[in-house]
Amino acid sequence: MANLQRGEEPKALEAKEKCKKAIEAAKRKREEKTVRELELREEVNVSRVGEESEEVTCVRSSQPHKLGPIDKWTRAIDPTKADSFKQQQLNKELWKEREHEVHKFIARWAYNHGIPFNACDNDEFKQMCEAIGQFGPGLTPPTQDAFRGSLLEEEYERTKCLLQEREAEKMKNGFDASTTCLMQVVTDNASNNMGAKKLLLEKRPQIFWTSCAAHTINLMLQGIGKLPRFRKVIDQAFWKDVKLMLAVFEPLVKVLRLVDGDVKPSMGFLYGELLKAKREIKEAFGNVEFRFKDVMAVTEKKMNGRLDSPLHLTAFLLNPHYSYANPSIFDEPKMNEAFISCVEQFYYHDEDQQEQAANFELKKFQNREGPFSKKLARTFQNYDYNPGRASWWQLYGTETSALQKMATRILSLTSSSSGCERNWSGFEGIHTKKRNRLTTTRLNKLVYIQFNNRLMNNREKIKSKKITDVLLSSDTTEAQGSVDMA
């Protein structure tokens, strides 16, 4: 109804269908929440006395703790499942009253110690309540020494155990944080970072420095928002031109979500998506130059020297999604110059590899020779923002070893430093005025536990919702993850 223009009659069937879909979506969301809470309950099992192992393990105990010998002949009462068992009859009002009494104690603790209200939505909080319920009355709370000592160590080891799969993947792909293997440094555009860039390139000429794409695109949006025609809309809430404004901002916001996502490597897609965004902005103005001229001037100004470096252009060239779809990219002088510059920097002081990659192997990739001519290689290029570009090169670049190594590394790079900013905010959140006596080791472990668990939880949410493209996500938590601290 709110979208109707003056004099326009509502379409009853469309409105009815929308209402039906909204009701079904809400019902489905409630059902998913119920299933998720049941899964969380089933994941919690308090082990029997005497069964604790000194060795840290990722496998949970299969049976809950029994309070006495008769408990093995009885079944624990779960109010969420009571309707499915005829023998488990409870007075619902009595249960609600008891539950309310428990909630009051939890709320009192949260209010008195400044616990955020949204903490009750965390899976860990729900699992904690379930574990306490399974233990039964008489639970002794953990001491302060246990919190900062043995329990911290156990949780740290558990987190490391959960990350073993990712560490194995890093080792398999040859990832290393040593100075000999470090390839890229990403910073924002502050003057002190520009000064550090010069020092870095003088001391480590083989390392690529790139500007933070998220910061640069934010500057683009800010610059466009300051243009008179858009500033008038923002300042005066004059929404007549809001459709045009959204059409201009939307393409750049999509690119911003791409680079700020932490879900998939974005280096191979940044330049191509920026070109696409510029085309869409021009189309929003009807491809009339005098109408889009000022907007494009702001975009070009912020982009030049920041998001069109030899590394960005080479990643664009080596991504078959773009270069195979438009072979003329190989003939552009700007692309060839950027590629040669990138090869020289990547294989610094190794002229044999430089010659092999630039003079021989690039032609094989361009002409689709050898494994590049395979039908599967050509179908894979049609997939949109896919995280497997590096895998594509590992599979089909076997006859171009120098170019394969270079493409695999470049297409696995990030293009934004926003993940590190979230990392530092984690340090600030833990090291508060009330907790300013934390040792460096303890602080690092707390941040390690918090951020890696957030990372894994976010990835599980994305995986459970089957979201494969961050650009299609409607939830900002899915488009913006956390950083894995090494």
Protein backbone atom coordinates (compact mmCIF):
# COMPACT_ATOMS: atom_id res chain seq x y z
CA MET A 1 0.00 0.00 0.00
CA ALA A 2 2.84 2.40 0.86
CA ASN A 3 4.30 2.01 -2.64
CA LEU A 4 1.10 3.14 -4.41
CA GLN A 5 1.12 6.38 -6.37
CA ARG A 6 -1.74 8.90 -6.07
CA GLY A 7 -4.89 7.61 -7.75
CA GLU A 8 -3.53 4.10 -8.17
CA GLU A 9 -5.72 1.20 -7.05
CA PRO A 10 -4.15 -1.60 -4.98
CA LYS A 11 -3.83 -4.94 -6.71
CA ALA A 12 -5.68 -7.32 -4.42
CA LEU A 13 -4.19 -10.55 -5.73
CA GLU A 14 -0.61 -9.28 -5.57
CA ALA A 15 -1.12 -7.91 -2.07
CA LYS A 16 -2.67 -11.19 -0.94
CA GLU A 17 0.23 -13.17 -2.39
CA LYS A 18 2.77 -10.91 -0.68
CA CYS A 19 0.99 -11.32 2.66
CA LYS A 20 0.93 -15.08 2.21
CA LYS A 21 4.66 -15.18 1.44
CA ALA A 22 5.43 -12.97 4.44
CA ILE A 23 3.43 -15.23 6.78
CA GLU A 24 5.11 -18.34 5.37
CA ALA A 25 8.55 -16.76 5.73
CA ALA A 26 7.86 -15.86 9.37
CA LYS A 27 6.59 -19.38 10.06
CA ARG A 28 9.63 -20.92 8.38
CA LYS A 29 11.94 -18.69 10.41
CA ARG A 30 10.28 -19.79 13.67
CA GLU A 31 10.60 -23.44 12.68
CA GLU A 32 14.28 -23.00 11.79
CA LYS A 33 14.89 -21.30 15.13
CA THR A 34 13.22 -24.17 17.01
CA VAL A 35 15.27 -26.76 15.13
CA ARG A 36 18.45 -24.80 15.79
CA GLU A 37 17.74 -24.61 19.53
CA LEU A 38 17.09 -28.36 19.67
CA GLU A 39 20.39 -28.97 17.89
CA LEU A 40 22.18 -26.78 20.42
CA ARG A 41 20.63 -28.75 23.29
CA GLU A 42 21.73 -32.04 21.76
CA GLU A 43 25.29 -30.77 21.38
CA VAL A 44 25.57 -30.29 25.16
CA ASN A 45 26.40 -33.39 27.19
CA VAL A 46 27.87 -33.15 30.69
CA SER A 47 30.24 -36.12 31.04
CA ARG A 48 30.04 -38.68 33.86
CA VAL A 49 32.18 -38.34 36.95
CA GLY A 50 35.56 -40.00 36.49
CA GLU A 51 35.37 -40.03 32.72
CA GLU A 52 37.27 -36.76 32.21
CA SER A 53 40.37 -37.15 30.10
CA GLU A 54 43.50 -35.10 30.60
CA GLU A 55 43.91 -34.96 26.86
CA VAL A 56 42.04 -32.18 25.01
CA THR A 57 39.63 -33.59 22.46
CA CYS A 58 37.17 -32.15 19.97
CA VAL A 59 34.74 -35.07 20.47
CA ARG A 60 31.94 -34.47 22.95
CA SER A 61 30.93 -37.06 25.55
CA SER A 62 28.12 -39.25 24.30
CA GLN A 63 26.10 -39.41 27.57
CA PRO A 64 25.08 -36.82 30.16
CA HIS A 65 26.19 -36.86 33.79
CA LYS A 66 24.00 -39.00 36.10
CA LEU A 67 23.22 -37.52 39.51
CA GLY A 68 22.56 -40.88 41.19
CA PRO A 69 22.12 -44.62 40.56
CA ILE A 70 18.38 -44.30 39.93
CA ASP A 71 18.90 -41.67 37.23
CA LYS A 72 19.97 -44.27 34.71
CA TRP A 73 16.41 -45.71 34.90
CA THR A 74 14.78 -42.31 34.33
CA ARG A 75 14.69 -39.82 31.55
CA ALA A 76 15.47 -36.10 31.84
CA ILE A 77 12.45 -33.88 31.24
CA ASP A 78 12.74 -31.49 28.33
CA PRO A 79 9.81 -29.03 28.10
CA THR A 80 10.37 -28.57 24.36
CA LYS A 81 9.79 -32.28 23.76
CA ALA A 82 7.18 -32.97 26.45
CA ASP A 83 4.29 -33.08 23.98
CA SER A 84 5.83 -36.01 22.13
CA PHE A 85 6.05 -38.28 25.24
CA LYS A 86 2.76 -39.20 26.91
CA GLN A 87 4.49 -40.28 30.15
CA GLN A 88 6.11 -36.86 30.60
CA GLN A 89 3.16 -34.82 31.82
CA LEU A 90 3.93 -31.45 33.39
CA ASN A 91 1.82 -28.63 34.66
CA LYS A 92 2.72 -25.97 32.09
CA GLU A 93 1.91 -23.09 34.41
CA LEU A 94 4.10 -24.56 37.12
CA TRP A 95 6.93 -25.00 34.64
CA LYS A 96 6.58 -21.40 33.42
CA GLU A 97 6.67 -20.12 36.99
CA ARG A 98 9.85 -22.06 37.78
CA GLU A 99 11.40 -20.92 34.50
CA HIS A 100 10.53 -17.31 35.30
CA GLU A 101 12.26 -17.59 38.68
CA VAL A 102 15.44 -18.79 36.97
CA HIS A 103 15.20 -16.01 34.38
CA LYS A 104 15.07 -13.41 37.17
CA PHE A 105 18.39 -14.62 38.57
CA ILE A 106 19.99 -14.55 35.12
CA ALA A 107 18.62 -11.05 34.46
CA ARG A 108 19.87 -9.79 37.83
CA TRP A 109 23.38 -10.97 37.03
CA ALA A 110 23.24 -9.39 33.54
CA TYR A 111 21.92 -6.03 34.82
CA ASN A 112 24.40 -5.71 37.66
CA HIS A 113 27.43 -6.50 35.49
CA GLY A 114 26.53 -4.68 32.28
CA ILE A 115 26.03 -7.75 30.08
CA PRO A 116 24.61 -6.69 26.66
CA PHE A 117 21.00 -7.78 26.16
CA ASN A 118 21.77 -9.43 22.81
CA ALA A 119 24.16 -11.83 24.58
CA CYS A 120 21.15 -14.06 25.30
CA ASP A 121 20.89 -14.76 21.56
CA ASN A 122 24.36 -16.32 21.46
CA ASP A 123 24.57 -20.07 20.97
CA GLU A 124 27.16 -20.30 23.75
CA PHE A 125 24.73 -18.76 26.26
CA LYS A 126 22.01 -21.26 25.32
CA GLN A 127 24.47 -24.14 25.60
CA MET A 128 25.60 -22.88 29.01
CA CYS A 129 21.99 -22.86 30.28
CA GLU A 130 21.46 -26.39 28.94
CA ALA A 131 24.68 -27.64 30.58
CA ILE A 132 23.68 -26.17 33.96
CA GLY A 133 20.25 -27.75 33.63
CA GLN A 134 21.75 -31.15 32.84
CA PHE A 135 24.07 -30.95 35.85
CA GLY A 136 21.21 -30.22 38.23
CA PRO A 137 21.24 -28.49 41.64
CA GLY A 138 24.41 -27.89 43.61
CA LEU A 139 26.68 -26.69 40.81
CA THR A 140 29.71 -24.81 42.17
CA PRO A 141 30.46 -21.73 40.01
CA PRO A 142 33.97 -21.52 38.51
CA THR A 143 36.45 -19.37 40.43
CA GLN A 144 38.26 -16.35 39.08
CA ASP A 145 41.50 -18.32 39.02
CA ALA A 146 39.84 -21.05 36.97
CA PHE A 147 38.48 -18.48 34.50
CA ARG A 148 41.88 -16.95 33.84
CA GLY A 149 43.84 -20.18 34.22
CA SER A 150 42.80 -23.74 33.46
CA LEU A 151 39.47 -22.93 31.77
CA LEU A 152 41.11 -20.33 29.51
CA GLU A 153 43.78 -22.84 28.50
CA GLU A 154 41.19 -25.55 27.78
CA GLU A 155 39.07 -23.21 25.65
CA TYR A 156 42.18 -21.99 23.83
CA GLU A 157 43.15 -25.59 23.01
CA ARG A 158 39.59 -26.40 21.96
CA THR A 159 39.60 -23.44 19.55
CA LYS A 160 42.96 -24.51 18.13
CA CYS A 161 41.55 -27.99 17.68
CA LEU A 162 38.54 -26.65 15.76
CA LEU A 163 40.90 -24.68 13.51
CA GLN A 164 43.08 -27.67 12.65
CA GLU A 165 41.26 -28.18 9.37
CA ARG A 166 41.96 -24.58 8.31
CA GLU A 167 45.60 -24.86 9.39
CA ALA A 168 45.97 -28.06 7.35
CA GLU A 169 44.54 -26.23 4.34
CA LYS A 170 47.04 -23.41 4.82
CA MET A 171 49.93 -25.86 4.95
CA LYS A 172 48.61 -27.64 1.86
CA ASN A 173 48.48 -24.39 -0.11
CA GLY A 174 51.90 -23.30 1.13
CA PHE A 175 50.75 -20.24 3.06
CA ASP A 176 53.46 -18.75 5.24
CA ALA A 177 53.68 -15.45 7.14
CA SER A 178 57.48 -15.20 6.91
CA THR A 179 59.05 -12.21 5.15
CA THR A 180 60.22 -14.43 2.29
CA CYS A 181 56.65 -15.54 1.53
CA LEU A 182 54.77 -12.35 2.42
CA MET A 183 53.31 -10.92 -0.76
CA GLN A 184 50.93 -8.07 0.04
CA VAL A 185 50.35 -5.29 2.56
CA VAL A 186 46.97 -3.50 2.60
CA THR A 187 46.48 -0.19 4.43
CA ASP A 188 44.08 2.73 4.32
CA ASN A 189 45.04 6.04 2.69
CA ALA A 190 46.24 7.93 5.77
CA SER A 191 49.38 10.04 5.25
CA ASN A 192 51.42 7.99 7.74
CA ASN A 193 50.59 4.82 5.80
CA MET A 194 51.64 6.50 2.56
CA GLY A 195 55.00 7.25 4.18
CA ALA A 196 55.29 3.67 5.38
CA LYS A 197 54.58 2.51 1.83
CA LYS A 198 57.75 4.20 0.55
CA LEU A 199 59.85 2.68 3.32
CA LEU A 200 58.34 -0.75 2.67
CA LEU A 201 59.09 -0.68 -1.06
CA GLU A 202 62.64 0.48 -0.41
CA LYS A 203 63.34 -2.37 2.02
CA ARG A 204 61.10 -5.09 0.53
CA PRO A 205 60.70 -4.34 -3.21
CA GLN A 206 59.11 -7.75 -3.87
CA ILE A 207 56.11 -7.01 -1.61
CA PHE A 208 53.00 -5.41 -3.13
CA TRP A 209 51.38 -2.49 -1.34
CA THR A 210 47.70 -1.85 -2.10
CA SER A 211 45.23 0.71 -0.85
CA CYS A 212 42.25 -0.49 1.18
CA ALA A 213 39.42 -0.93 -1.32
CA ALA A 214 36.68 -0.56 1.31
CA HIS A 215 38.11 2.77 2.49
CA THR A 216 38.52 4.03 -1.09
CA ILE A 217 34.97 3.11 -2.13
CA ASN A 218 33.66 4.78 1.03
CA LEU A 219 35.47 7.93 -0.11
CA MET A 220 33.82 7.58 -3.53
CA LEU A 221 30.36 7.38 -1.96
CA GLN A 222 31.17 10.28 0.35
CA GLY A 223 32.39 12.39 -2.58
CA ILE A 224 29.30 11.62 -4.67
CA GLY A 225 27.08 12.41 -1.68
CA LYS A 226 28.65 15.88 -1.46
CA LEU A 227 27.70 16.76 -5.05
CA PRO A 228 25.00 19.49 -5.03
CA ARG A 229 22.24 17.38 -6.59
CA PHE A 230 22.66 14.56 -4.04
CA ARG A 231 23.49 16.74 -1.05
CA LYS A 232 20.15 18.48 -1.58
CA VAL A 233 18.36 15.13 -1.43
CA ILE A 234 20.22 14.08 1.73
CA ASP A 235 20.04 17.39 3.60
CA GLN A 236 16.43 18.32 2.81
CA ALA A 237 15.01 14.79 2.65
CA PHE A 238 13.73 15.72 -0.81
CA TRP A 239 12.95 12.21 -2.10
CA LYS A 240 11.83 13.06 -5.60
CA ASP A 241 15.25 12.11 -6.96
CA VAL A 242 15.84 9.26 -4.53
CA LYS A 243 15.41 6.65 -7.30
CA LEU A 244 18.29 8.18 -9.25
CA MET A 245 20.35 8.45 -6.09
CA LEU A 246 19.88 4.76 -5.28
CA ALA A 247 20.69 3.80 -8.86
CA VAL A 248 24.01 5.65 -8.55
CA PHE A 249 24.93 4.38 -5.09
CA GLU A 250 23.83 0.74 -5.48
CA PRO A 251 26.61 -0.44 -7.87
CA LEU A 252 29.35 0.98 -5.61
CA VAL A 253 27.72 -0.42 -2.46
CA LYS A 254 27.76 -3.87 -4.10
CA VAL A 255 31.50 -3.54 -4.68
CA LEU A 256 31.92 -2.31 -1.10
CA ARG A 257 30.19 -5.43 0.24
CA LEU A 258 32.36 -7.56 -2.02
CA VAL A 259 35.67 -6.20 -0.70
CA ASP A 260 34.49 -5.93 2.92
CA GLY A 261 33.15 -9.46 3.10
CA ASP A 262 35.98 -11.67 4.43
CA VAL A 263 34.07 -14.60 2.90
CA LYS A 264 35.91 -14.97 -0.40
CA PRO A 265 39.12 -13.51 -1.91
CA SER A 266 38.17 -10.32 -3.76
CA MET A 267 41.38 -9.23 -5.53
CA GLY A 268 40.50 -11.02 -8.77
CA PHE A 269 37.09 -9.34 -8.96
CA LEU A 270 37.66 -5.82 -7.65
CA TYR A 271 38.73 -4.06 -10.87
CA GLY A 272 36.19 -5.91 -13.02
CA GLU A 273 33.33 -5.10 -10.64
CA LEU A 274 34.39 -1.45 -10.53
CA LEU A 275 34.22 -1.27 -14.34
CA LYS A 276 30.77 -2.88 -14.16
CA ALA A 277 29.68 -0.37 -11.49
CA LYS A 278 30.82 2.54 -13.66
CA ARG A 279 28.81 1.20 -16.60
CA GLU A 280 25.71 0.86 -14.42
CA ILE A 281 26.11 4.41 -13.12
CA LYS A 282 26.29 5.72 -16.69
CA GLU A 283 23.17 3.73 -17.57
CA ALA A 284 21.37 5.28 -14.58
CA PHE A 285 21.93 8.67 -16.24
CA GLY A 286 20.77 7.39 -19.61
CA ASN A 287 24.38 7.33 -20.90
CA VAL A 288 24.22 11.13 -21.27
CA GLU A 289 27.74 12.42 -20.58
CA PHE A 290 26.93 15.84 -19.14
CA ARG A 291 24.62 14.17 -16.59
CA PHE A 292 27.13 11.60 -15.27
CA LYS A 293 30.28 13.65 -15.79
CA ASP A 294 30.60 14.97 -12.21
CA VAL A 295 29.83 11.57 -10.65
CA MET A 296 32.41 9.80 -12.81
CA ALA A 297 34.97 12.52 -12.03
CA VAL A 298 34.67 11.72 -8.30
CA THR A 299 34.89 7.98 -8.94
CA GLU A 300 37.94 8.27 -11.19
CA LYS A 301 39.71 10.62 -8.79
CA LYS A 302 39.37 8.21 -5.86
CA MET A 303 40.15 5.16 -7.97
CA ASN A 304 43.31 6.43 -9.69
CA GLY A 305 46.50 5.31 -7.99
CA ARG A 306 44.58 3.24 -5.44
CA LEU A 307 42.45 0.59 -7.09
CA ASP A 308 44.10 0.46 -10.54
CA SER A 309 47.61 -0.62 -9.51
CA PRO A 310 49.54 -3.23 -11.54
CA LEU A 311 48.42 -5.85 -8.99
CA HIS A 312 44.72 -5.04 -9.46
CA LEU A 313 45.02 -5.01 -13.27
CA THR A 314 47.00 -8.26 -13.32
CA ALA A 315 44.40 -9.97 -11.11
CA PHE A 316 41.73 -8.76 -13.55
CA LEU A 317 43.74 -10.11 -16.51
CA LEU A 318 44.40 -13.52 -14.91
CA ASN A 319 40.75 -14.06 -13.94
CA PRO A 320 39.21 -16.12 -16.78
CA HIS A 321 35.78 -14.82 -15.83
CA TYR A 322 36.78 -11.50 -17.40
CA SER A 323 39.68 -12.20 -19.79
CA TYR A 324 38.07 -15.19 -21.52
CA ALA A 325 34.73 -13.41 -21.76
CA ASN A 326 36.45 -10.40 -23.38
CA PRO A 327 39.72 -11.45 -25.11
CA SER A 328 40.44 -7.85 -26.14
CA ILE A 329 41.69 -7.32 -22.57
CA PHE A 330 44.95 -9.03 -23.61
CA ASP A 331 45.52 -6.36 -26.29
CA GLU A 332 45.19 -3.33 -24.03
CA PRO A 333 48.59 -1.61 -23.54
CA LYS A 334 47.68 -0.67 -19.97
CA MET A 335 47.05 -4.31 -19.09
CA ASN A 336 50.28 -5.52 -20.68
CA GLU A 337 52.36 -2.87 -18.89
CA ALA A 338 50.72 -3.74 -15.57
CA PHE A 339 51.30 -7.47 -16.11
CA ILE A 340 55.01 -7.02 -16.91
CA SER A 341 55.46 -4.75 -13.89
CA CYS A 342 53.72 -7.29 -11.66
CA VAL A 343 55.82 -10.18 -13.01
CA GLU A 344 59.03 -8.25 -12.34
CA GLN A 345 57.97 -7.54 -8.78
CA PHE A 346 56.58 -11.01 -8.07
CA TYR A 347 59.69 -12.79 -9.39
CA TYR A 348 62.11 -10.19 -8.10
CA HIS A 349 65.72 -10.96 -9.18
CA ASP A 350 64.59 -14.15 -10.97
CA GLU A 351 64.86 -13.32 -14.66
CA ASP A 352 64.30 -16.90 -15.82
CA GLN A 353 60.88 -17.07 -14.17
CA GLN A 354 60.06 -13.56 -15.39
CA GLU A 355 60.81 -14.53 -18.98
CA GLN A 356 58.93 -17.81 -18.68
CA ALA A 357 55.77 -16.18 -17.31
CA ALA A 358 55.71 -13.09 -19.54
CA ASN A 359 57.09 -14.31 -22.87
CA PHE A 360 55.79 -17.87 -23.10
CA GLU A 361 53.13 -18.86 -20.59
CA LEU A 362 50.86 -15.82 -20.90
CA LYS A 363 50.41 -16.63 -24.61
CA LYS A 364 49.31 -20.17 -23.73
CA PHE A 365 46.71 -18.78 -21.34
CA GLN A 366 45.57 -16.18 -23.89
CA ASN A 367 45.29 -18.67 -26.77
CA ARG A 368 43.75 -21.38 -24.55
CA GLU A 369 46.41 -23.95 -25.31
CA GLY A 370 46.92 -27.25 -23.52
CA PRO A 371 44.68 -27.78 -20.46
CA PHE A 372 43.21 -24.27 -20.95
CA SER A 373 41.40 -25.62 -24.05
CA LYS A 374 39.48 -28.22 -22.05
CA LYS A 375 35.70 -27.93 -22.13
CA LEU A 376 35.52 -27.95 -18.33
CA ALA A 377 37.95 -25.03 -18.19
CA ARG A 378 35.68 -23.00 -20.45
CA THR A 379 32.46 -23.77 -18.56
CA PHE A 380 34.06 -22.82 -15.24
CA GLN A 381 34.85 -19.33 -16.57
CA ASN A 382 31.12 -18.60 -16.83
CA TYR A 383 30.52 -18.90 -13.09
CA ASP A 384 30.14 -15.51 -11.49
CA TYR A 385 31.85 -14.43 -8.26
CA ASN A 386 33.26 -17.86 -7.45
CA PRO A 387 35.94 -18.45 -4.79
CA GLY A 388 37.68 -21.10 -6.88
CA ARG A 389 39.75 -18.99 -9.29
CA ALA A 390 42.95 -20.08 -7.56
CA SER A 391 41.72 -23.69 -7.73
CA TRP A 392 41.01 -23.18 -11.44
CA TRP A 393 44.64 -22.27 -12.00
CA GLN A 394 45.87 -25.19 -9.92
CA LEU A 395 43.77 -27.54 -12.06
CA TYR A 396 44.34 -26.14 -15.56
CA GLY A 397 47.63 -24.25 -15.24
CA THR A 398 49.82 -27.34 -14.93
CA GLU A 399 51.76 -26.56 -18.14
CA THR A 400 52.44 -22.96 -17.10
CA SER A 401 54.13 -23.39 -13.73
CA ALA A 402 55.49 -19.84 -13.33
CA LEU A 403 52.21 -18.19 -14.34
CA GLN A 404 50.24 -20.74 -12.30
CA LYS A 405 52.13 -19.92 -9.11
CA MET A 406 51.71 -16.20 -9.69
CA ALA A 407 47.98 -16.40 -10.54
CA THR A 408 47.22 -18.70 -7.60
CA ARG A 409 48.83 -16.32 -5.13
CA ILE A 410 47.37 -13.13 -6.61
CA LEU A 411 43.80 -14.44 -6.95
CA SER A 412 43.88 -15.58 -3.30
CA LEU A 413 44.59 -12.06 -2.01
CA THR A 414 42.26 -9.74 -0.16
CA SER A 415 41.79 -6.12 -1.19
CA SER A 416 40.69 -4.53 2.08
CA SER A 417 42.18 -3.91 5.52
CA SER A 418 38.79 -3.65 7.25
CA GLY A 419 39.21 -7.13 8.72
CA CYS A 420 42.25 -5.96 10.67
CA GLU A 421 40.28 -2.97 11.98
CA ARG A 422 37.71 -5.38 13.41
CA ASN A 423 40.63 -7.31 14.87
CA TRP A 424 41.94 -4.27 16.75
CA SER A 425 38.44 -3.39 17.97
CA GLY A 426 38.46 -6.84 19.57
CA PHE A 427 41.61 -5.97 21.52
CA GLU A 428 40.01 -2.71 22.63
CA GLY A 429 36.81 -4.48 23.68
CA ILE A 430 38.64 -6.99 25.87
CA HIS A 431 41.31 -4.67 27.30
CA THR A 432 38.94 -2.24 29.06
CA LYS A 433 39.52 -0.02 32.09
CA LYS A 434 38.13 -2.75 34.34
CA ARG A 435 40.44 -5.36 32.81
CA ASN A 436 43.67 -3.44 32.32
CA ARG A 437 45.87 -5.92 34.18
CA LEU A 438 45.69 -8.68 31.61
CA THR A 439 49.05 -10.12 30.66
CA THR A 440 49.97 -10.02 26.97
CA THR A 441 49.68 -13.80 26.65
CA ARG A 442 46.27 -13.92 28.33
CA LEU A 443 45.00 -10.99 26.24
CA ASN A 444 46.14 -12.64 23.00
CA LYS A 445 44.44 -15.90 23.95
CA LEU A 446 41.17 -14.15 24.78
CA VAL A 447 41.17 -12.34 21.43
CA TYR A 448 42.14 -15.56 19.64
CA ILE A 449 39.22 -17.43 21.22
CA GLN A 450 36.68 -14.66 20.66
CA PHE A 451 37.49 -13.85 17.05
CA ASN A 452 38.02 -17.36 15.77
CA ASN A 453 34.79 -18.56 17.36
CA ARG A 454 32.95 -15.60 15.81
CA LEU A 455 34.52 -16.43 12.47
CA MET A 456 33.46 -20.08 12.67
CA ASN A 457 29.94 -19.16 13.83
CA ASN A 458 29.52 -16.70 10.95
CA ARG A 459 30.73 -19.27 8.45
CA GLU A 460 28.33 -21.86 9.87
CA LYS A 461 25.44 -19.39 9.49
CA ILE A 462 26.39 -18.68 5.89
CA LYS A 463 26.82 -22.39 5.18
CA SER A 464 23.48 -23.31 6.77
CA LYS A 465 21.69 -20.66 4.70
CA LYS A 466 23.51 -21.87 1.55
CA ILE A 467 24.70 -18.37 0.68
CA THR A 468 27.35 -18.69 -2.05
CA ASP A 469 27.43 -15.09 -3.22
CA VAL A 470 28.04 -12.34 -0.70
CA LEU A 471 26.54 -9.80 -3.10
CA LEU A 472 23.15 -11.51 -2.85
CA SER A 473 23.14 -11.59 0.92
CA SER A 474 20.57 -9.43 2.69
CA ASP A 475 22.21 -9.87 6.08
CA THR A 476 25.19 -7.61 6.80
CA THR A 477 26.62 -10.20 9.19
CA GLU A 478 26.95 -12.54 6.23
CA ALA A 479 28.65 -9.91 4.11
CA GLN A 480 31.06 -8.97 6.84
CA GLY A 481 32.87 -11.67 8.76
CA SER A 482 35.63 -11.68 11.34
CA VAL A 483 39.34 -12.21 10.95
CA ASP A 484 41.20 -15.41 11.71
CA MET A 485 44.13 -14.57 13.94
CA ALA A 486 47.21 -16.65 13.20
